[in-house]
Amino acid sequence: LKIATQELVSTCLPTMRFLLALVCSIAAVSAFAPVPVTKQVTVARQAYVPDGLSAADWAKKQKEEKAKSAKNKQRFPKGKSFVDVTVWLKQLEGRQSFAGEKITGSGHTFAKTKFESKE
């Protein structure tokens, strides 16, 4: 019995080593395999509504605030606002007042300064 077991172990040992190496290599390779991508499902969620207001009241208030904001943005447009020189000269001539040969009012306008002068 002892001899039969030794023969069995000696013949099966290389096969078992090969199988063990094969299993370890498969485990190592599967660790670096890409994870299958699952499709994400979009779930509709409830919108924010403050306490004490119904959804309709909140929507109405938001609409009013957007309208107020849009109206305020029209009062203060972006970009540089300027007057063309030809238009400014015509306005200047229209504002001038004379008493005979003397100029009583020049109609001149001054530029607005954003900061105080250095002097």
PDB file of N, CA and C in Angstrom:
ATOM      1  N   LEU A   1       0.832  -1.183   0.000  1.00  0.00           N
ATOM      2  CA  LEU A   1       0.000   0.000   0.000  1.00  0.00           C
ATOM      3  C   LEU A   1       0.878   1.248   0.000  1.00  0.00           C
ATOM      4  N   LYS A   2       1.966   1.202   0.758  1.00  0.00           N
ATOM      5  CA  LYS A   2       2.856   2.339   0.830  1.00  0.00           C
ATOM      6  C   LYS A   2       3.512   2.604  -0.517  1.00  0.00           C
ATOM      7  N   ILE A   3       3.874   1.589  -1.243  1.00  0.00           N
ATOM      8  CA  ILE A   3       4.513   1.740  -2.552  1.00  0.00           C
ATOM      9  C   ILE A   3       3.509   2.254  -3.566  1.00  0.00           C
ATOM     10  N   ALA A   4       2.291   1.803  -3.494  1.00  0.00           N
ATOM     11  CA  ALA A   4       1.254   2.232  -4.427  1.00  0.00           C
ATOM     12  C   ALA A   4       0.940   3.718  -4.226  1.00  0.00           C
ATOM     13  N   THR A   5       0.938   4.181  -2.986  1.00  0.00           N
ATOM     14  CA  THR A   5       0.672   5.577  -2.719  1.00  0.00           C
ATOM     15  C   THR A   5       1.810   6.449  -3.210  1.00  0.00           C
ATOM     16  N   GLN A   6       3.031   5.996  -3.041  1.00  0.00           N
ATOM     17  CA  GLN A   6       4.177   6.778  -3.506  1.00  0.00           C
ATOM     18  C   GLN A   6       4.179   6.886  -5.020  1.00  0.00           C
ATOM     19  N   GLU A   7       3.813   5.797  -5.707  1.00  0.00           N
ATOM     20  CA  GLU A   7       3.746   5.834  -7.171  1.00  0.00           C
ATOM     21  C   GLU A   7       2.636   6.772  -7.634  1.00  0.00           C
ATOM     22  N   LEU A   8       1.525   6.728  -6.929  1.00  0.00           N
ATOM     23  CA  LEU A   8       0.392   7.579  -7.290  1.00  0.00           C
ATOM     24  C   LEU A   8       0.762   9.056  -7.082  1.00  0.00           C
ATOM     25  N   VAL A   9       1.421   9.362  -5.978  1.00  0.00           N
ATOM     26  CA  VAL A   9       1.826  10.738  -5.688  1.00  0.00           C
ATOM     27  C   VAL A   9       2.868  11.192  -6.694  1.00  0.00           C
ATOM     28  N   SER A  10       3.827  10.321  -7.022  1.00  0.00           N
ATOM     29  CA  SER A  10       4.873  10.720  -7.953  1.00  0.00           C
ATOM     30  C   SER A  10       4.335  10.922  -9.364  1.00  0.00           C
ATOM     31  N   THR A  11       3.285  10.209  -9.761  1.00  0.00           N
ATOM     32  CA  THR A  11       2.718  10.411 -11.102  1.00  0.00           C
ATOM     33  C   THR A  11       1.740  11.579 -11.118  1.00  0.00           C
ATOM     34  N   CYS A  12       1.045  11.800 -10.005  1.00  0.00           N
ATOM     35  CA  CYS A  12       0.038  12.875  -9.972  1.00  0.00           C
ATOM     36  C   CYS A  12       0.628  14.228  -9.576  1.00  0.00           C
ATOM     37  N   LEU A  13       1.774  14.247  -8.928  1.00  0.00           N
ATOM     38  CA  LEU A  13       2.372  15.489  -8.443  1.00  0.00           C
ATOM     39  C   LEU A  13       2.644  16.486  -9.557  1.00  0.00           C
ATOM     40  N   PRO A  14       3.234  16.120 -10.696  1.00  0.00           N
ATOM     41  CA  PRO A  14       3.427  17.111 -11.758  1.00  0.00           C
ATOM     42  C   PRO A  14       2.101  17.640 -12.310  1.00  0.00           C
ATOM     43  N   THR A  15       1.108  16.760 -12.389  1.00  0.00           N
ATOM     44  CA  THR A  15      -0.201  17.178 -12.893  1.00  0.00           C
ATOM     45  C   THR A  15      -0.853  18.155 -11.913  1.00  0.00           C
ATOM     46  N   MET A  16      -0.741  17.882 -10.625  1.00  0.00           N
ATOM     47  CA  MET A  16      -1.338  18.772  -9.630  1.00  0.00           C
ATOM     48  C   MET A  16      -0.619  20.124  -9.606  1.00  0.00           C
ATOM     49  N   ARG A  17       0.679  20.103  -9.764  1.00  0.00           N
ATOM     50  CA  ARG A  17       1.428  21.361  -9.819  1.00  0.00           C
ATOM     51  C   ARG A  17       1.000  22.179 -11.028  1.00  0.00           C
ATOM     52  N   PHE A  18       0.824  21.491 -12.157  1.00  0.00           N
ATOM     53  CA  PHE A  18       0.384  22.184 -13.369  1.00  0.00           C
ATOM     54  C   PHE A  18      -1.004  22.790 -13.166  1.00  0.00           C
ATOM     55  N   LEU A  19      -1.916  22.013 -12.575  1.00  0.00           N
ATOM     56  CA  LEU A  19      -3.276  22.521 -12.340  1.00  0.00           C
ATOM     57  C   LEU A  19      -3.269  23.690 -11.353  1.00  0.00           C
ATOM     58  N   LEU A  20      -2.431  23.581 -10.314  1.00  0.00           N
ATOM     59  CA  LEU A  20      -2.333  24.667  -9.350  1.00  0.00           C
ATOM     60  C   LEU A  20      -1.794  25.939 -10.003  1.00  0.00           C
ATOM     61  N   ALA A  21      -0.774  25.800 -10.857  1.00  0.00           N
ATOM     62  CA  ALA A  21      -0.228  26.957 -11.574  1.00  0.00           C
ATOM     63  C   ALA A  21      -1.269  27.537 -12.527  1.00  0.00           C
ATOM     64  N   LEU A  22      -2.044  26.683 -13.168  1.00  0.00           N
ATOM     65  CA  LEU A  22      -3.091  27.136 -14.098  1.00  0.00           C
ATOM     66  C   LEU A  22      -4.173  27.918 -13.355  1.00  0.00           C
ATOM     67  N   VAL A  23      -4.617  27.426 -12.214  1.00  0.00           N
ATOM     68  CA  VAL A  23      -5.655  28.108 -11.425  1.00  0.00           C
ATOM     69  C   VAL A  23      -5.137  29.455 -10.930  1.00  0.00           C
ATOM     70  N   CYS A  24      -3.904  29.496 -10.476  1.00  0.00           N
ATOM     71  CA  CYS A  24      -3.333  30.763  -9.996  1.00  0.00           C
ATOM     72  C   CYS A  24      -3.193  31.781 -11.123  1.00  0.00           C
ATOM     73  N   SER A  25      -2.796  31.308 -12.292  1.00  0.00           N
ATOM     74  CA  SER A  25      -2.654  32.246 -13.414  1.00  0.00           C
ATOM     75  C   SER A  25      -4.009  32.766 -13.876  1.00  0.00           C
ATOM     76  N   ILE A  26      -5.031  31.921 -13.855  1.00  0.00           N
ATOM     77  CA  ILE A  26      -6.382  32.373 -14.238  1.00  0.00           C
ATOM     78  C   ILE A  26      -6.874  33.407 -13.224  1.00  0.00           C
ATOM     79  N   ALA A  27      -6.624  33.181 -11.945  1.00  0.00           N
ATOM     80  CA  ALA A  27      -7.045  34.137 -10.919  1.00  0.00           C
ATOM     81  C   ALA A  27      -6.322  35.466 -11.091  1.00  0.00           C
ATOM     82  N   ALA A  28      -5.032  35.415 -11.434  1.00  0.00           N
ATOM     83  CA  ALA A  28      -4.270  36.651 -11.614  1.00  0.00           C
ATOM     84  C   ALA A  28      -4.751  37.418 -12.838  1.00  0.00           C
ATOM     85  N   VAL A  29      -5.050  36.706 -13.914  1.00  0.00           N
ATOM     86  CA  VAL A  29      -5.519  37.363 -15.136  1.00  0.00           C
ATOM     87  C   VAL A  29      -6.908  37.940 -14.938  1.00  0.00           C
ATOM     88  N   SER A  30      -7.768  37.251 -14.231  1.00  0.00           N
ATOM     89  CA  SER A  30      -9.135  37.751 -14.040  1.00  0.00           C
ATOM     90  C   SER A  30      -9.153  38.986 -13.139  1.00  0.00           C
ATOM     91  N   ALA A  31      -8.116  39.171 -12.339  1.00  0.00           N
ATOM     92  CA  ALA A  31      -8.059  40.363 -11.494  1.00  0.00           C
ATOM     93  C   ALA A  31      -7.872  41.623 -12.330  1.00  0.00           C
ATOM     94  N   PHE A  32      -7.256  41.509 -13.510  1.00  0.00           N
ATOM     95  CA  PHE A  32      -7.024  42.666 -14.370  1.00  0.00           C
ATOM     96  C   PHE A  32      -8.025  42.775 -15.510  1.00  0.00           C
ATOM     97  N   ALA A  33      -8.997  41.898 -15.547  1.00  0.00           N
ATOM     98  CA  ALA A  33     -10.011  41.935 -16.602  1.00  0.00           C
ATOM     99  C   ALA A  33     -10.918  43.138 -16.368  1.00  0.00           C
ATOM    100  N   PRO A  34     -11.389  43.789 -17.438  1.00  0.00           N
ATOM    101  CA  PRO A  34     -12.270  44.945 -17.250  1.00  0.00           C
ATOM    102  C   PRO A  34     -13.619  44.530 -16.664  1.00  0.00           C
ATOM    103  N   VAL A  35     -14.157  45.412 -15.864  1.00  0.00           N
ATOM    104  CA  VAL A  35     -15.451  45.159 -15.237  1.00  0.00           C
ATOM    105  C   VAL A  35     -16.536  45.416 -16.278  1.00  0.00           C
ATOM    106  N   PRO A  36     -17.513  44.534 -16.396  1.00  0.00           N
ATOM    107  CA  PRO A  36     -18.579  44.772 -17.373  1.00  0.00           C
ATOM    108  C   PRO A  36     -19.369  46.034 -17.010  1.00  0.00           C
ATOM    109  N   VAL A  37     -19.684  46.828 -18.021  1.00  0.00           N
ATOM    110  CA  VAL A  37     -20.382  48.094 -17.820  1.00  0.00           C
ATOM    111  C   VAL A  37     -21.879  47.824 -17.771  1.00  0.00           C
ATOM    112  N   THR A  38     -22.516  48.340 -16.734  1.00  0.00           N
ATOM    113  CA  THR A  38     -23.965  48.211 -16.623  1.00  0.00           C
ATOM    114  C   THR A  38     -24.601  49.531 -17.009  1.00  0.00           C
ATOM    115  N   LYS A  39     -25.726  49.462 -17.623  1.00  0.00           N
ATOM    116  CA  LYS A  39     -26.431  50.660 -18.051  1.00  0.00           C
ATOM    117  C   LYS A  39     -27.114  51.304 -16.853  1.00  0.00           C
ATOM    118  N   GLN A  40     -26.925  52.614 -16.686  1.00  0.00           N
ATOM    119  CA  GLN A  40     -27.539  53.302 -15.564  1.00  0.00           C
ATOM    120  C   GLN A  40     -28.944  53.738 -15.945  1.00  0.00           C
ATOM    121  N   VAL A  41     -29.830  53.551 -15.030  1.00  0.00           N
ATOM    122  CA  VAL A  41     -31.224  53.907 -15.257  1.00  0.00           C
ATOM    123  C   VAL A  41     -31.478  55.254 -14.609  1.00  0.00           C
ATOM    124  N   THR A  42     -32.067  56.176 -15.355  1.00  0.00           N
ATOM    125  CA  THR A  42     -32.395  57.490 -14.825  1.00  0.00           C
ATOM    126  C   THR A  42     -33.720  57.404 -14.076  1.00  0.00           C
ATOM    127  N   VAL A  43     -33.704  57.911 -12.866  1.00  0.00           N
ATOM    128  CA  VAL A  43     -34.896  57.869 -12.040  1.00  0.00           C
ATOM    129  C   VAL A  43     -35.410  59.293 -11.866  1.00  0.00           C
ATOM    130  N   ALA A  44     -36.672  59.491 -12.111  1.00  0.00           N
ATOM    131  CA  ALA A  44     -37.263  60.815 -11.911  1.00  0.00           C
ATOM    132  C   ALA A  44     -37.348  61.082 -10.414  1.00  0.00           C
ATOM    133  N   ARG A  45     -36.891  62.254 -10.006  1.00  0.00           N
ATOM    134  CA  ARG A  45     -36.904  62.605  -8.592  1.00  0.00           C
ATOM    135  C   ARG A  45     -37.846  63.773  -8.369  1.00  0.00           C
ATOM    136  N   GLN A  46     -38.231  63.907  -7.150  1.00  0.00           N
ATOM    137  CA  GLN A  46     -39.119  64.995  -6.791  1.00  0.00           C
ATOM    138  C   GLN A  46     -38.333  66.303  -6.784  1.00  0.00           C
ATOM    139  N   ALA A  47     -38.988  67.380  -7.168  1.00  0.00           N
ATOM    140  CA  ALA A  47     -38.354  68.693  -7.177  1.00  0.00           C
ATOM    141  C   ALA A  47     -38.430  69.299  -5.778  1.00  0.00           C
ATOM    142  N   TYR A  48     -37.553  70.261  -5.520  1.00  0.00           N
ATOM    143  CA  TYR A  48     -37.519  70.930  -4.221  1.00  0.00           C
ATOM    144  C   TYR A  48     -38.691  71.886  -4.103  1.00  0.00           C
ATOM    145  N   VAL A  49     -39.406  71.780  -3.013  1.00  0.00           N
ATOM    146  CA  VAL A  49     -40.482  72.712  -2.681  1.00  0.00           C
ATOM    147  C   VAL A  49     -40.317  73.065  -1.210  1.00  0.00           C
ATOM    148  N   PRO A  50     -40.176  74.366  -0.881  1.00  0.00           N
ATOM    149  CA  PRO A  50     -39.997  74.744   0.523  1.00  0.00           C
ATOM    150  C   PRO A  50     -41.225  74.410   1.368  1.00  0.00           C
ATOM    151  N   ASP A  51     -40.969  74.241   2.654  1.00  0.00           N
ATOM    152  CA  ASP A  51     -42.072  73.967   3.580  1.00  0.00           C
ATOM    153  C   ASP A  51     -43.027  75.150   3.608  1.00  0.00           C
ATOM    154  N   GLY A  52     -44.299  74.867   3.670  1.00  0.00           N
ATOM    155  CA  GLY A  52     -45.313  75.909   3.762  1.00  0.00           C
ATOM    156  C   GLY A  52     -45.823  76.381   2.413  1.00  0.00           C
ATOM    157  N   LEU A  53     -45.226  75.919   1.312  1.00  0.00           N
ATOM    158  CA  LEU A  53     -45.682  76.299  -0.022  1.00  0.00           C
ATOM    159  C   LEU A  53     -46.088  75.051  -0.799  1.00  0.00           C
ATOM    160  N   SER A  54     -47.096  75.216  -1.629  1.00  0.00           N
ATOM    161  CA  SER A  54     -47.454  74.107  -2.518  1.00  0.00           C
ATOM    162  C   SER A  54     -46.563  74.183  -3.754  1.00  0.00           C
ATOM    163  N   ALA A  55     -46.572  73.127  -4.534  1.00  0.00           N
ATOM    164  CA  ALA A  55     -45.738  73.097  -5.739  1.00  0.00           C
ATOM    165  C   ALA A  55     -46.141  74.210  -6.702  1.00  0.00           C
ATOM    166  N   ALA A  56     -47.426  74.490  -6.816  1.00  0.00           N
ATOM    167  CA  ALA A  56     -47.902  75.546  -7.719  1.00  0.00           C
ATOM    168  C   ALA A  56     -47.461  76.930  -7.228  1.00  0.00           C
ATOM    169  N   ASP A  57     -47.564  77.149  -5.911  1.00  0.00           N
ATOM    170  CA  ASP A  57     -47.132  78.443  -5.350  1.00  0.00           C
ATOM    171  C   ASP A  57     -45.634  78.651  -5.551  1.00  0.00           C
ATOM    172  N   TRP A  58     -44.851  77.586  -5.335  1.00  0.00           N
ATOM    173  CA  TRP A  58     -43.403  77.679  -5.507  1.00  0.00           C
ATOM    174  C   TRP A  58     -43.046  77.958  -6.961  1.00  0.00           C
ATOM    175  N   ALA A  59     -43.720  77.299  -7.899  1.00  0.00           N
ATOM    176  CA  ALA A  59     -43.463  77.533  -9.325  1.00  0.00           C
ATOM    177  C   ALA A  59     -43.811  78.974  -9.697  1.00  0.00           C
ATOM    178  N   LYS A  60     -44.918  79.481  -9.142  1.00  0.00           N
ATOM    179  CA  LYS A  60     -45.328  80.855  -9.414  1.00  0.00           C
ATOM    180  C   LYS A  60     -44.294  81.847  -8.879  1.00  0.00           C
ATOM    181  N   LYS A  61     -43.790  81.590  -7.670  1.00  0.00           N
ATOM    182  CA  LYS A  61     -42.795  82.481  -7.068  1.00  0.00           C
ATOM    183  C   LYS A  61     -41.493  82.468  -7.858  1.00  0.00           C
ATOM    184  N   GLN A  62     -41.061  81.282  -8.300  1.00  0.00           N
ATOM    185  CA  GLN A  62     -39.844  81.192  -9.107  1.00  0.00           C
ATOM    186  C   GLN A  62     -40.008  81.929 -10.431  1.00  0.00           C
ATOM    187  N   LYS A  63     -41.191  81.820 -11.044  1.00  0.00           N
ATOM    188  CA  LYS A  63     -41.452  82.510 -12.308  1.00  0.00           C
ATOM    189  C   LYS A  63     -41.394  84.025 -12.116  1.00  0.00           C
ATOM    190  N   GLU A  64     -41.958  84.515 -11.016  1.00  0.00           N
ATOM    191  CA  GLU A  64     -41.922  85.949 -10.724  1.00  0.00           C
ATOM    192  C   GLU A  64     -40.482  86.428 -10.511  1.00  0.00           C
ATOM    193  N   GLU A  65     -39.689  85.636  -9.792  1.00  0.00           N
ATOM    194  CA  GLU A  65     -38.298  86.019  -9.545  1.00  0.00           C
ATOM    195  C   GLU A  65     -37.487  86.043 -10.839  1.00  0.00           C
ATOM    196  N   LYS A  66     -37.740  85.092 -11.733  1.00  0.00           N
ATOM    197  CA  LYS A  66     -37.046  85.089 -13.025  1.00  0.00           C
ATOM    198  C   LYS A  66     -37.424  86.311 -13.849  1.00  0.00           C
ATOM    199  N   ALA A  67     -38.718  86.676 -13.839  1.00  0.00           N
ATOM    200  CA  ALA A  67     -39.161  87.855 -14.584  1.00  0.00           C
ATOM    201  C   ALA A  67     -38.539  89.121 -14.000  1.00  0.00           C
ATOM    202  N   LYS A  68     -38.474  89.204 -12.672  1.00  0.00           N
ATOM    203  CA  LYS A  68     -37.868  90.367 -12.022  1.00  0.00           C
ATOM    204  C   LYS A  68     -36.389  90.460 -12.367  1.00  0.00           C
ATOM    205  N   SER A  69     -35.700  89.325 -12.365  1.00  0.00           N
ATOM    206  CA  SER A  69     -34.276  89.300 -12.697  1.00  0.00           C
ATOM    207  C   SER A  69     -34.048  89.716 -14.155  1.00  0.00           C
ATOM    208  N   ALA A  70     -34.882  89.219 -15.072  1.00  0.00           N
ATOM    209  CA  ALA A  70     -34.743  89.576 -16.483  1.00  0.00           C
ATOM    210  C   ALA A  70     -34.991  91.078 -16.690  1.00  0.00           C
ATOM    211  N   LYS A  71     -35.975  91.622 -15.977  1.00  0.00           N
ATOM    212  CA  LYS A  71     -36.268  93.054 -16.084  1.00  0.00           C
ATOM    213  C   LYS A  71     -35.085  93.883 -15.573  1.00  0.00           C
ATOM    214  N   ASN A  72     -34.473  93.449 -14.479  1.00  0.00           N
ATOM    215  CA  ASN A  72     -33.329  94.156 -13.917  1.00  0.00           C
ATOM    216  C   ASN A  72     -32.128  94.082 -14.860  1.00  0.00           C
ATOM    217  N   LYS A  73     -31.941  92.955 -15.520  1.00  0.00           N
ATOM    218  CA  LYS A  73     -30.824  92.816 -16.459  1.00  0.00           C
ATOM    219  C   LYS A  73     -30.991  93.730 -17.664  1.00  0.00           C
ATOM    220  N   GLN A  74     -32.217  94.046 -18.034  1.00  0.00           N
ATOM    221  CA  GLN A  74     -32.435  94.975 -19.145  1.00  0.00           C
ATOM    222  C   GLN A  74     -32.056  96.394 -18.745  1.00  0.00           C
ATOM    223  N   ARG A  75     -32.165  96.702 -17.459  1.00  0.00           N
ATOM    224  CA  ARG A  75     -31.789  98.041 -16.994  1.00  0.00           C
ATOM    225  C   ARG A  75     -30.290  98.260 -17.068  1.00  0.00           C
ATOM    226  N   PHE A  76     -29.530  97.206 -16.873  1.00  0.00           N
ATOM    227  CA  PHE A  76     -28.078  97.303 -16.850  1.00  0.00           C
ATOM    228  C   PHE A  76     -27.480  96.362 -17.892  1.00  0.00           C
ATOM    229  N   PRO A  77     -27.486  96.784 -19.169  1.00  0.00           N
ATOM    230  CA  PRO A  77     -26.972  95.894 -20.212  1.00  0.00           C
ATOM    231  C   PRO A  77     -25.463  95.718 -20.100  1.00  0.00           C
ATOM    232  N   LYS A  78     -24.986  94.578 -20.566  1.00  0.00           N
ATOM    233  CA  LYS A  78     -23.548  94.309 -20.564  1.00  0.00           C
ATOM    234  C   LYS A  78     -22.911  94.955 -21.778  1.00  0.00           C
ATOM    235  N   GLY A  79     -21.627  95.160 -21.704  1.00  0.00           N
ATOM    236  CA  GLY A  79     -20.910  95.756 -22.827  1.00  0.00           C
ATOM    237  C   GLY A  79     -20.724  97.244 -22.616  1.00  0.00           C
ATOM    238  N   LYS A  80     -19.880  97.820 -23.444  1.00  0.00           N
ATOM    239  CA  LYS A  80     -19.591  99.241 -23.314  1.00  0.00           C
ATOM    240  C   LYS A  80     -20.628 100.056 -24.075  1.00  0.00           C
ATOM    241  N   SER A  81     -21.159 101.054 -23.402  1.00  0.00           N
ATOM    242  CA  SER A  81     -22.103 101.971 -24.014  1.00  0.00           C
ATOM    243  C   SER A  81     -21.341 103.245 -24.361  1.00  0.00           C
ATOM    244  N   PHE A  82     -21.416 103.653 -25.596  1.00  0.00           N
ATOM    245  CA  PHE A  82     -20.681 104.855 -25.976  1.00  0.00           C
ATOM    246  C   PHE A  82     -21.500 105.652 -26.985  1.00  0.00           C
ATOM    247  N   VAL A  83     -21.122 106.913 -27.120  1.00  0.00           N
ATOM    248  CA  VAL A  83     -21.778 107.819 -28.062  1.00  0.00           C
ATOM    249  C   VAL A  83     -20.798 108.103 -29.191  1.00  0.00           C
ATOM    250  N   ASP A  84     -21.272 107.992 -30.397  1.00  0.00           N
ATOM    251  CA  ASP A  84     -20.438 108.276 -31.562  1.00  0.00           C
ATOM    252  C   ASP A  84     -20.104 109.773 -31.588  1.00  0.00           C
ATOM    253  N   VAL A  85     -18.918 110.129 -32.069  1.00  0.00           N
ATOM    254  CA  VAL A  85     -18.461 111.522 -32.069  1.00  0.00           C
ATOM    255  C   VAL A  85     -19.377 112.399 -32.920  1.00  0.00           C
ATOM    256  N   THR A  86     -19.795 111.917 -34.066  1.00  0.00           N
ATOM    257  CA  THR A  86     -20.665 112.741 -34.925  1.00  0.00           C
ATOM    258  C   THR A  86     -21.992 113.030 -34.240  1.00  0.00           C
ATOM    259  N   VAL A  87     -22.544 112.037 -33.550  1.00  0.00           N
ATOM    260  CA  VAL A  87     -23.798 112.248 -32.827  1.00  0.00           C
ATOM    261  C   VAL A  87     -23.571 113.228 -31.687  1.00  0.00           C
ATOM    262  N   TRP A  88     -22.433 113.082 -30.959  1.00  0.00           N
ATOM    263  CA  TRP A  88     -22.141 113.954 -29.842  1.00  0.00           C
ATOM    264  C   TRP A  88     -21.965 115.400 -30.304  1.00  0.00           C
ATOM    265  N   LEU A  89     -21.286 115.617 -31.440  1.00  0.00           N
ATOM    266  CA  LEU A  89     -21.100 116.982 -31.952  1.00  0.00           C
ATOM    267  C   LEU A  89     -22.422 117.620 -32.340  1.00  0.00           C
ATOM    268  N   LYS A  90     -23.324 116.857 -32.941  1.00  0.00           N
ATOM    269  CA  LYS A  90     -24.641 117.413 -33.300  1.00  0.00           C
ATOM    270  C   LYS A  90     -25.426 117.782 -32.046  1.00  0.00           C
ATOM    271  N   GLN A  91     -25.348 116.958 -30.992  1.00  0.00           N
ATOM    272  CA  GLN A  91     -26.018 117.280 -29.738  1.00  0.00           C
ATOM    273  C   GLN A  91     -25.399 118.526 -29.106  1.00  0.00           C
ATOM    274  N   LEU A  92     -24.069 118.651 -29.200  1.00  0.00           N
ATOM    275  CA  LEU A  92     -23.370 119.802 -28.650  1.00  0.00           C
ATOM    276  C   LEU A  92     -23.816 121.091 -29.343  1.00  0.00           C
ATOM    277  N   GLU A  93     -23.903 121.049 -30.673  1.00  0.00           N
ATOM    278  CA  GLU A  93     -24.346 122.228 -31.423  1.00  0.00           C
ATOM    279  C   GLU A  93     -25.774 122.595 -31.068  1.00  0.00           C
ATOM    280  N   GLY A  94     -26.609 121.590 -30.850  1.00  0.00           N
ATOM    281  CA  GLY A  94     -28.009 121.856 -30.500  1.00  0.00           C
ATOM    282  C   GLY A  94     -28.161 122.479 -29.129  1.00  0.00           C
ATOM    283  N   ARG A  95     -27.268 122.181 -28.201  1.00  0.00           N
ATOM    284  CA  ARG A  95     -27.346 122.692 -26.836  1.00  0.00           C
ATOM    285  C   ARG A  95     -26.695 124.067 -26.670  1.00  0.00           C
ATOM    286  N   GLN A  96     -25.890 124.492 -27.613  1.00  0.00           N
ATOM    287  CA  GLN A  96     -25.209 125.783 -27.476  1.00  0.00           C
ATOM    288  C   GLN A  96     -26.232 126.912 -27.580  1.00  0.00           C
ATOM    289  N   SER A  97     -26.008 127.908 -26.773  1.00  0.00           N
ATOM    290  CA  SER A  97     -26.885 129.084 -26.830  1.00  0.00           C
ATOM    291  C   SER A  97     -26.013 130.331 -26.995  1.00  0.00           C
ATOM    292  N   PHE A  98     -26.511 131.231 -27.812  1.00  0.00           N
ATOM    293  CA  PHE A  98     -25.761 132.453 -28.138  1.00  0.00           C
ATOM    294  C   PHE A  98     -26.580 133.684 -27.780  1.00  0.00           C
ATOM    295  N   ALA A  99     -25.855 134.761 -27.449  1.00  0.00           N
ATOM    296  CA  ALA A  99     -26.454 136.081 -27.292  1.00  0.00           C
ATOM    297  C   ALA A  99     -25.664 136.985 -28.219  1.00  0.00           C
ATOM    298  N   GLY A 100     -26.089 137.058 -29.447  1.00  0.00           N
ATOM    299  CA  GLY A 100     -25.321 137.790 -30.461  1.00  0.00           C
ATOM    300  C   GLY A 100     -24.106 136.969 -30.821  1.00  0.00           C
ATOM    301  N   GLU A 101     -22.919 137.571 -30.643  1.00  0.00           N
ATOM    302  CA  GLU A 101     -21.674 136.858 -30.934  1.00  0.00           C
ATOM    303  C   GLU A 101     -21.160 136.096 -29.721  1.00  0.00           C
ATOM    304  N   LYS A 102     -21.739 136.363 -28.547  1.00  0.00           N
ATOM    305  CA  LYS A 102     -21.272 135.740 -27.319  1.00  0.00           C
ATOM    306  C   LYS A 102     -21.947 134.399 -27.091  1.00  0.00           C
ATOM    307  N   ILE A 103     -21.164 133.431 -26.612  1.00  0.00           N
ATOM    308  CA  ILE A 103     -21.717 132.122 -26.274  1.00  0.00           C
ATOM    309  C   ILE A 103     -22.137 132.167 -24.811  1.00  0.00           C
ATOM    310  N   THR A 104     -23.427 131.977 -24.562  1.00  0.00           N
ATOM    311  CA  THR A 104     -23.917 132.014 -23.175  1.00  0.00           C
ATOM    312  C   THR A 104     -23.940 130.618 -22.553  1.00  0.00           C
ATOM    313  N   GLY A 105     -24.090 129.591 -23.343  1.00  0.00           N
ATOM    314  CA  GLY A 105     -24.062 128.216 -22.840  1.00  0.00           C
ATOM    315  C   GLY A 105     -23.386 127.333 -23.866  1.00  0.00           C
ATOM    316  N   SER A 106     -22.378 126.618 -23.429  1.00  0.00           N
ATOM    317  CA  SER A 106     -21.633 125.830 -24.412  1.00  0.00           C
ATOM    318  C   SER A 106     -22.303 124.503 -24.724  1.00  0.00           C
ATOM    319  N   GLY A 107     -23.073 123.950 -23.798  1.00  0.00           N
ATOM    320  CA  GLY A 107     -23.701 122.657 -24.035  1.00  0.00           C
ATOM    321  C   GLY A 107     -22.734 121.502 -23.886  1.00  0.00           C
ATOM    322  N   HIS A 108     -21.530 121.814 -23.384  1.00  0.00           N
ATOM    323  CA  HIS A 108     -20.506 120.782 -23.254  1.00  0.00           C
ATOM    324  C   HIS A 108     -20.852 119.809 -22.132  1.00  0.00           C
ATOM    325  N   THR A 109     -20.576 118.553 -22.345  1.00  0.00           N
ATOM    326  CA  THR A 109     -20.787 117.528 -21.320  1.00  0.00           C
ATOM    327  C   THR A 109     -19.441 116.984 -20.889  1.00  0.00           C
ATOM    328  N   PHE A 110     -19.349 116.589 -19.650  1.00  0.00           N
ATOM    329  CA  PHE A 110     -18.112 116.054 -19.111  1.00  0.00           C
ATOM    330  C   PHE A 110     -18.229 114.545 -18.939  1.00  0.00           C
ATOM    331  N   ALA A 111     -17.095 113.892 -19.035  1.00  0.00           N
ATOM    332  CA  ALA A 111     -17.074 112.444 -18.826  1.00  0.00           C
ATOM    333  C   ALA A 111     -17.227 112.154 -17.352  1.00  0.00           C
ATOM    334  N   LYS A 112     -17.958 111.108 -17.048  1.00  0.00           N
ATOM    335  CA  LYS A 112     -18.120 110.705 -15.659  1.00  0.00           C
ATOM    336  C   LYS A 112     -16.895 109.904 -15.243  1.00  0.00           C
ATOM    337  N   THR A 113     -16.397 110.214 -14.072  1.00  0.00           N
ATOM    338  CA  THR A 113     -15.245 109.463 -13.582  1.00  0.00           C
ATOM    339  C   THR A 113     -15.725 108.420 -12.596  1.00  0.00           C
ATOM    340  N   LYS A 114     -15.122 107.247 -12.688  1.00  0.00           N
ATOM    341  CA  LYS A 114     -15.502 106.173 -11.818  1.00  0.00           C
ATOM    342  C   LYS A 114     -14.795 106.289 -10.476  1.00  0.00           C
ATOM    343  N   PHE A 115     -13.561 106.826 -10.496  1.00  0.00           N
ATOM    344  CA  PHE A 115     -12.768 106.942  -9.281  1.00  0.00           C
ATOM    345  C   PHE A 115     -12.441 108.420  -9.037  1.00  0.00           C
ATOM    346  N   GLU A 116     -12.054 108.718  -7.818  1.00  0.00           N
ATOM    347  CA  GLU A 116     -11.675 110.089  -7.489  1.00  0.00           C
ATOM    348  C   GLU A 116     -10.381 110.446  -8.220  1.00  0.00           C
ATOM    349  N   SER A 117     -10.237 111.730  -8.544  1.00  0.00           N
ATOM    350  CA  SER A 117      -9.012 112.154  -9.223  1.00  0.00           C
ATOM    351  C   SER A 117      -7.826 112.109  -8.270  1.00  0.00           C
ATOM    352  N   LYS A 118      -6.634 112.051  -8.828  1.00  0.00           N
ATOM    353  CA  LYS A 118      -5.418 111.947  -8.005  1.00  0.00           C
ATOM    354  C   LYS A 118      -4.998 113.268  -7.414  1.00  0.00           C
ATOM    355  N   GLU A 119      -5.506 114.363  -7.927  1.00  0.00           N
ATOM    356  CA  GLU A 119      -5.091 115.690  -7.441  1.00  0.00           C
ATOM    357  C   GLU A 119      -5.830 116.086  -6.207  1.00  0.00           C
TER     358      GLU A 119
END
